[in-house]
Amino acid sequence: MYATVADMTARFGETHLIRLSRPEDRTAETVDAVKVETALADVSAVIDGYIRGRYLVPIAAPPAEIIRAACVLARYELAQGEHSDPSEEMSKARKDTITWLENIAKEMINLDVPAALAAGPAVGSGPRMSDRSRIMSLDTLRGF
C-alpha cells in the first residue's frame, strides 16, 4: 500500500476519517482501520495499473505525490456507501488525481522512482521468411 491510516488521518483529520469509515455509527470515536486499509489497498492497485508500464511496481519508497494520490482516491472510495455519496470536492479531487495518473501513463509527467526495465528484443523477433523451395531456378531451367 502506498499510504497508511496515519497518512489519511494526518491529511483529512481523525473526525472526518471516523465519519467516512463508520458512517452508520454516529457515536463512534475510533477509525475503522480495516475499512480504511481495504480502501487504501484497492486504490494502490489502481495506481499500479496506471504506472506499471513505466515504473517498477509496487514502488518501495513512494514519493509524496503517490501517497497523496492514494489518500485522495481512498477518501473518495470510503465516501461511496449505501447511505452516502462523495461530495463535489471529493469528486473533483478524484478526477484531478486520475488525470494526473493518466498523464504519468502517457509519459507527460515523470516520477523520481526507478523506471521499469526496458524489455530487450525477444528471441527470434524480427522479420521472418518461410516458403516452399523454388520450382523455377537456374538449375531446373537448364537446358530450355
C-alpha atoms as a PDB file:
ATOM      1  CA  MET A   1       0.000   0.000   0.000  1.00  0.00           C
ATOM      2  CA  TYR A   2       1.165   3.471  -0.794  1.00  0.00           C
ATOM      3  CA  ALA A   3      -0.444   5.190   2.195  1.00  0.00           C
ATOM      4  CA  THR A   4      -1.377   4.276   5.746  1.00  0.00           C
ATOM      5  CA  VAL A   5      -4.233   5.062   8.081  1.00  0.00           C
ATOM      6  CA  ALA A   6      -1.884   7.553   9.769  1.00  0.00           C
ATOM      7  CA  ASP A   7      -1.324   9.299   6.404  1.00  0.00           C
ATOM      8  CA  MET A   8      -5.078   9.552   5.908  1.00  0.00           C
ATOM      9  CA  THR A   9      -5.582  10.886   9.428  1.00  0.00           C
ATOM     10  CA  ALA A  10      -2.837  13.475   9.003  1.00  0.00           C
ATOM     11  CA  ARG A  11      -4.273  14.646   5.676  1.00  0.00           C
ATOM     12  CA  PHE A  12      -8.011  14.717   6.444  1.00  0.00           C
ATOM     13  CA  GLY A  13      -8.303  14.666  10.226  1.00  0.00           C
ATOM     14  CA  GLU A  14      -9.443  11.943  12.576  1.00  0.00           C
ATOM     15  CA  THR A  15     -13.043  13.154  12.862  1.00  0.00           C
ATOM     16  CA  HIS A  16     -13.528  13.164   9.093  1.00  0.00           C
ATOM     17  CA  LEU A  17     -11.970   9.699   8.821  1.00  0.00           C
ATOM     18  CA  ILE A  18     -14.227   8.360  11.585  1.00  0.00           C
ATOM     19  CA  ARG A  19     -17.267   9.647   9.693  1.00  0.00           C
ATOM     20  CA  LEU A  20     -16.050   8.092   6.450  1.00  0.00           C
ATOM     21  CA  SER A  21     -15.110   4.722   7.923  1.00  0.00           C
ATOM     22  CA  ARG A  22     -18.146   4.387  10.205  1.00  0.00           C
ATOM     23  CA  PRO A  23     -20.968   6.343   8.528  1.00  0.00           C
ATOM     24  CA  GLU A  24     -23.723   4.318  10.211  1.00  0.00           C
ATOM     25  CA  ASP A  25     -22.355   4.775  13.751  1.00  0.00           C
ATOM     26  CA  ARG A  26     -22.754   8.415  14.847  1.00  0.00           C
ATOM     27  CA  THR A  27     -21.308   7.666  18.293  1.00  0.00           C
ATOM     28  CA  ALA A  28     -18.069   6.095  17.019  1.00  0.00           C
ATOM     29  CA  GLU A  29     -14.886   7.502  18.473  1.00  0.00           C
ATOM     30  CA  THR A  30     -12.310   5.496  16.562  1.00  0.00           C
ATOM     31  CA  VAL A  31     -11.458   4.974  12.911  1.00  0.00           C
ATOM     32  CA  ASP A  32     -12.355   1.625  11.360  1.00  0.00           C
ATOM     33  CA  ALA A  33      -8.765   0.832  10.388  1.00  0.00           C
ATOM     34  CA  VAL A  34      -9.685  -2.332   8.477  1.00  0.00           C
ATOM     35  CA  LYS A  35     -12.096  -0.446   6.226  1.00  0.00           C
ATOM     36  CA  VAL A  36      -9.549   2.314   5.576  1.00  0.00           C
ATOM     37  CA  GLU A  37      -6.766  -0.196   4.864  1.00  0.00           C
ATOM     38  CA  THR A  38      -9.041  -2.040   2.425  1.00  0.00           C
ATOM     39  CA  ALA A  39      -9.738   1.192   0.545  1.00  0.00           C
ATOM     40  CA  LEU A  40      -6.014   2.011   0.515  1.00  0.00           C
ATOM     41  CA  ALA A  41      -5.157  -1.443  -0.856  1.00  0.00           C
ATOM     42  CA  ASP A  42      -7.776  -1.051  -3.590  1.00  0.00           C
ATOM     43  CA  VAL A  43      -6.511   2.345  -4.709  1.00  0.00           C
ATOM     44  CA  SER A  44      -2.897   1.181  -4.564  1.00  0.00           C
ATOM     45  CA  ALA A  45      -3.817  -1.450  -7.146  1.00  0.00           C
ATOM     46  CA  VAL A  46      -5.451   1.247  -9.278  1.00  0.00           C
ATOM     47  CA  ILE A  47      -2.321   3.405  -9.068  1.00  0.00           C
ATOM     48  CA  ASP A  48      -0.165   0.414 -10.014  1.00  0.00           C
ATOM     49  CA  GLY A  49      -2.350  -0.112 -13.062  1.00  0.00           C
ATOM     50  CA  TYR A  50      -1.605   3.381 -14.316  1.00  0.00           C
ATOM     51  CA  ILE A  51       2.138   3.416 -13.642  1.00  0.00           C
ATOM     52  CA  ARG A  52       3.005  -0.254 -14.275  1.00  0.00           C
ATOM     53  CA  GLY A  53       4.304   0.296 -17.804  1.00  0.00           C
ATOM     54  CA  ARG A  54       6.767   2.978 -16.765  1.00  0.00           C
ATOM     55  CA  TYR A  55       7.859   2.149 -13.227  1.00  0.00           C
ATOM     56  CA  LEU A  56       8.637  -0.904 -11.144  1.00  0.00           C
ATOM     57  CA  VAL A  57       5.560  -1.594  -9.044  1.00  0.00           C
ATOM     58  CA  PRO A  58       4.865  -1.608  -6.228  1.00  0.00           C
ATOM     59  CA  ILE A  59       7.067   1.387  -5.502  1.00  0.00           C
ATOM     60  CA  ALA A  60       9.160   0.522  -2.454  1.00  0.00           C
ATOM     61  CA  ALA A  61       9.564   4.118  -1.251  1.00  0.00           C
ATOM     62  CA  PRO A  62       6.637   6.037  -2.751  1.00  0.00           C
ATOM     63  CA  PRO A  63       7.141   9.774  -3.249  1.00  0.00           C
ATOM     64  CA  ALA A  64       4.820  12.254  -1.532  1.00  0.00           C
ATOM     65  CA  GLU A  65       2.669  12.728  -4.634  1.00  0.00           C
ATOM     66  CA  ILE A  66       1.861   8.997  -4.802  1.00  0.00           C
ATOM     67  CA  ILE A  67       0.940   8.976  -1.101  1.00  0.00           C
ATOM     68  CA  ARG A  68      -1.296  11.988  -1.690  1.00  0.00           C
ATOM     69  CA  ALA A  69      -2.936  10.330  -4.698  1.00  0.00           C
ATOM     70  CA  ALA A  70      -3.612   7.185  -2.662  1.00  0.00           C
ATOM     71  CA  CYS A  71      -5.179   9.233   0.147  1.00  0.00           C
ATOM     72  CA  VAL A  72      -7.390  11.233  -2.218  1.00  0.00           C
ATOM     73  CA  LEU A  73      -8.619   8.139  -4.045  1.00  0.00           C
ATOM     74  CA  ALA A  74      -9.178   6.195  -0.809  1.00  0.00           C
ATOM     75  CA  ARG A  75     -11.170   9.093   0.658  1.00  0.00           C
ATOM     76  CA  TYR A  76     -13.456   9.000  -2.378  1.00  0.00           C
ATOM     77  CA  GLU A  77     -13.831   5.207  -2.081  1.00  0.00           C
ATOM     78  CA  LEU A  78     -14.709   5.481   1.615  1.00  0.00           C
ATOM     79  CA  ALA A  79     -17.302   8.158   0.887  1.00  0.00           C
ATOM     80  CA  GLN A  80     -19.164   5.866  -1.505  1.00  0.00           C
ATOM     81  CA  GLY A  81     -21.602   3.883   0.546  1.00  0.00           C
ATOM     82  CA  GLU A  82     -25.148   2.723   0.810  1.00  0.00           C
ATOM     83  CA  HIS A  83     -26.281   5.879   2.561  1.00  0.00           C
ATOM     84  CA  SER A  84     -23.718   8.430   1.412  1.00  0.00           C
ATOM     85  CA  ASP A  85     -22.208   9.896  -1.721  1.00  0.00           C
ATOM     86  CA  PRO A  86     -18.871  11.672  -2.186  1.00  0.00           C
ATOM     87  CA  SER A  87     -19.006  15.442  -2.039  1.00  0.00           C
ATOM     88  CA  GLU A  88     -18.352  17.590  -5.097  1.00  0.00           C
ATOM     89  CA  GLU A  89     -14.938  18.448  -3.657  1.00  0.00           C
ATOM     90  CA  MET A  90     -14.067  14.737  -3.329  1.00  0.00           C
ATOM     91  CA  SER A  91     -15.264  14.015  -6.866  1.00  0.00           C
ATOM     92  CA  LYS A  92     -13.181  16.861  -8.301  1.00  0.00           C
ATOM     93  CA  ALA A  93     -10.097  15.771  -6.339  1.00  0.00           C
ATOM     94  CA  ARG A  94     -10.541  12.185  -7.593  1.00  0.00           C
ATOM     95  CA  LYS A  95     -10.949  13.365 -11.193  1.00  0.00           C
ATOM     96  CA  ASP A  96      -7.819  15.515 -10.935  1.00  0.00           C
ATOM     97  CA  THR A  97      -5.864  12.610  -9.461  1.00  0.00           C
ATOM     98  CA  ILE A  98      -6.983  10.195 -12.188  1.00  0.00           C
ATOM     99  CA  THR A  99      -6.000  12.771 -14.829  1.00  0.00           C
ATOM    100  CA  TRP A 100      -2.599  13.085 -13.153  1.00  0.00           C
ATOM    101  CA  LEU A 101      -2.156   9.290 -13.220  1.00  0.00           C
ATOM    102  CA  GLU A 102      -3.175   9.189 -16.900  1.00  0.00           C
ATOM    103  CA  ASN A 103      -0.529  11.827 -17.635  1.00  0.00           C
ATOM    104  CA  ILE A 104       2.069   9.653 -15.919  1.00  0.00           C
ATOM    105  CA  ALA A 105       0.996   6.730 -18.098  1.00  0.00           C
ATOM    106  CA  LYS A 106       1.255   8.961 -21.214  1.00  0.00           C
ATOM    107  CA  GLU A 107       4.786   9.968 -20.141  1.00  0.00           C
ATOM    108  CA  MET A 108       3.798  13.623 -19.729  1.00  0.00           C
ATOM    109  CA  ILE A 109       4.750  13.544 -16.026  1.00  0.00           C
ATOM    110  CA  ASN A 110       7.787  11.810 -14.553  1.00  0.00           C
ATOM    111  CA  LEU A 111       8.217  10.458 -11.043  1.00  0.00           C
ATOM    112  CA  ASP A 112      11.510  10.226  -9.212  1.00  0.00           C
ATOM    113  CA  VAL A 113      11.340   6.444  -8.824  1.00  0.00           C
ATOM    114  CA  PRO A 114      13.100   3.535 -10.562  1.00  0.00           C
ATOM    115  CA  ALA A 115      11.880   3.030 -14.117  1.00  0.00           C
ATOM    116  CA  ALA A 116      10.649  -0.319 -15.353  1.00  0.00           C
ATOM    117  CA  LEU A 117      13.261  -2.407 -17.074  1.00  0.00           C
ATOM    118  CA  ALA A 118      13.192  -1.949 -20.798  1.00  0.00           C
ATOM    119  CA  ALA A 119      12.348  -5.201 -22.452  1.00  0.00           C
ATOM    120  CA  GLY A 120      15.067  -6.232 -24.859  1.00  0.00           C
ATOM    121  CA  PRO A 121      14.297  -7.779 -28.188  1.00  0.00           C
ATOM    122  CA  ALA A 122      12.614 -11.118 -27.851  1.00  0.00           C
ATOM    123  CA  VAL A 123      14.453 -14.158 -29.091  1.00  0.00           C
ATOM    124  CA  GLY A 124      13.505 -14.822 -32.666  1.00  0.00           C
ATOM    125  CA  SER A 125      11.933 -11.435 -33.150  1.00  0.00           C
ATOM    126  CA  GLY A 126      12.284  -9.577 -36.389  1.00  0.00           C
ATOM    127  CA  PRO A 127      11.254 -10.346 -39.927  1.00  0.00           C
ATOM    128  CA  ARG A 128      10.951 -13.961 -40.936  1.00  0.00           C
ATOM    129  CA  MET A 129      10.504 -15.547 -44.299  1.00  0.00           C
ATOM    130  CA  SER A 130       9.384 -19.040 -44.924  1.00  0.00           C
ATOM    131  CA  ASP A 131       8.247 -20.504 -48.183  1.00  0.00           C
ATOM    132  CA  ARG A 132       8.487 -23.709 -50.115  1.00  0.00           C
ATOM    133  CA  SER A 133      11.504 -24.290 -52.304  1.00  0.00           C
ATOM    134  CA  ARG A 134      11.525 -22.575 -55.676  1.00  0.00           C
ATOM    135  CA  ILE A 135      10.116 -24.511 -58.586  1.00  0.00           C
ATOM    136  CA  MET A 136      11.900 -22.428 -61.196  1.00  0.00           C
ATOM    137  CA  SER A 137      15.566 -21.790 -60.599  1.00  0.00           C
ATOM    138  CA  LEU A 138      18.717 -21.712 -62.720  1.00  0.00           C
ATOM    139  CA  ASP A 139      19.221 -25.415 -62.114  1.00  0.00           C
ATOM    140  CA  THR A 140      15.688 -26.504 -63.035  1.00  0.00           C
ATOM    141  CA  LEU A 141      15.587 -24.337 -66.176  1.00  0.00           C
ATOM    142  CA  ARG A 142      18.914 -25.546 -67.512  1.00  0.00           C
ATOM    143  CA  GLY A 143      18.534 -26.942 -70.965  1.00  0.00           C
ATOM    144  CA  PHE A 144      15.471 -24.978 -72.018  1.00  0.00           C
END
